[in-house]
C-alpha cells in the first residue's frame, strides 16, 4: 500500500489530491487496527 500511495502522489502531483487523501486515510485506519490488535495480545500475556 505504501508503494501504491507513492505512485499515486507521483501520478497526481499532489499530496492533497482526494485520491491520495483517501488512500492515506485507509492506510491510517489499517495501522490503527493492527496496533489495537497488538495491544490486546500484549494485555492477554
Protein backbone atom coordinates (compact mmCIF):
# COMPACT_ATOMS: atom_id res chain seq x y z
CA UNK A 1 0.00 0.00 0.00
CA UNK A 2 2.90 2.32 0.68
CA UNK A 3 4.13 1.90 -2.88
CA UNK A 4 0.60 2.45 -4.14
CA UNK A 5 0.45 5.72 -2.19
CA UNK A 6 3.83 6.83 -3.51
CA UNK A 7 2.83 6.10 -7.11
CA UNK A 8 -0.47 7.91 -6.68
CA UNK A 9 1.30 11.02 -5.39
CA UNK A 10 3.67 10.85 -8.35
CA UNK A 11 0.75 10.42 -10.74
CA UNK A 12 -1.39 13.23 -9.33
CA UNK A 13 1.48 15.52 -8.40
CA UNK A 14 -0.20 16.42 -5.12
CA UNK A 15 -0.39 15.25 -1.54
CA UNK A 16 -3.84 16.79 -1.18
CA UNK A 17 -5.50 15.18 -4.16
CA UNK A 18 -8.71 13.48 -2.98
CA UNK A 19 -7.49 10.06 -4.18
CA UNK A 20 -4.22 10.44 -2.26
CA UNK A 21 -6.01 11.59 0.89
CA UNK A 22 -8.46 8.68 0.68
CA UNK A 23 -5.72 6.07 0.31
CA UNK A 24 -3.71 7.68 3.11
CA UNK A 25 -6.74 7.53 5.40
CA UNK A 26 -7.29 3.86 4.55
CA UNK A 27 -3.67 3.11 5.43
CA UNK A 28 -4.04 5.05 8.70
CA UNK A 29 -7.14 3.05 9.64
CA UNK A 30 -5.35 -0.22 8.92
CA UNK A 31 -2.35 0.79 11.02
CA UNK A 32 -4.59 1.79 13.95
CA UNK A 33 -6.45 -1.51 13.69
CA UNK A 34 -3.20 -3.51 13.70
CA UNK A 35 -1.89 -1.53 16.68
CA UNK A 36 -5.07 -2.20 18.64
CA UNK A 37 -4.82 -5.92 17.89
CA UNK A 38 -1.22 -5.99 19.11
CA UNK A 39 -2.14 -4.11 22.28
CA UNK A 40 -4.91 -6.61 23.02
CA UNK A 41 -2.48 -9.51 22.53
CA UNK A 42 0.04 -7.92 24.91
CA UNK A 43 -2.63 -7.44 27.56
CA UNK A 44 -3.51 -11.13 27.42
CA UNK A 45 0.02 -12.32 28.16
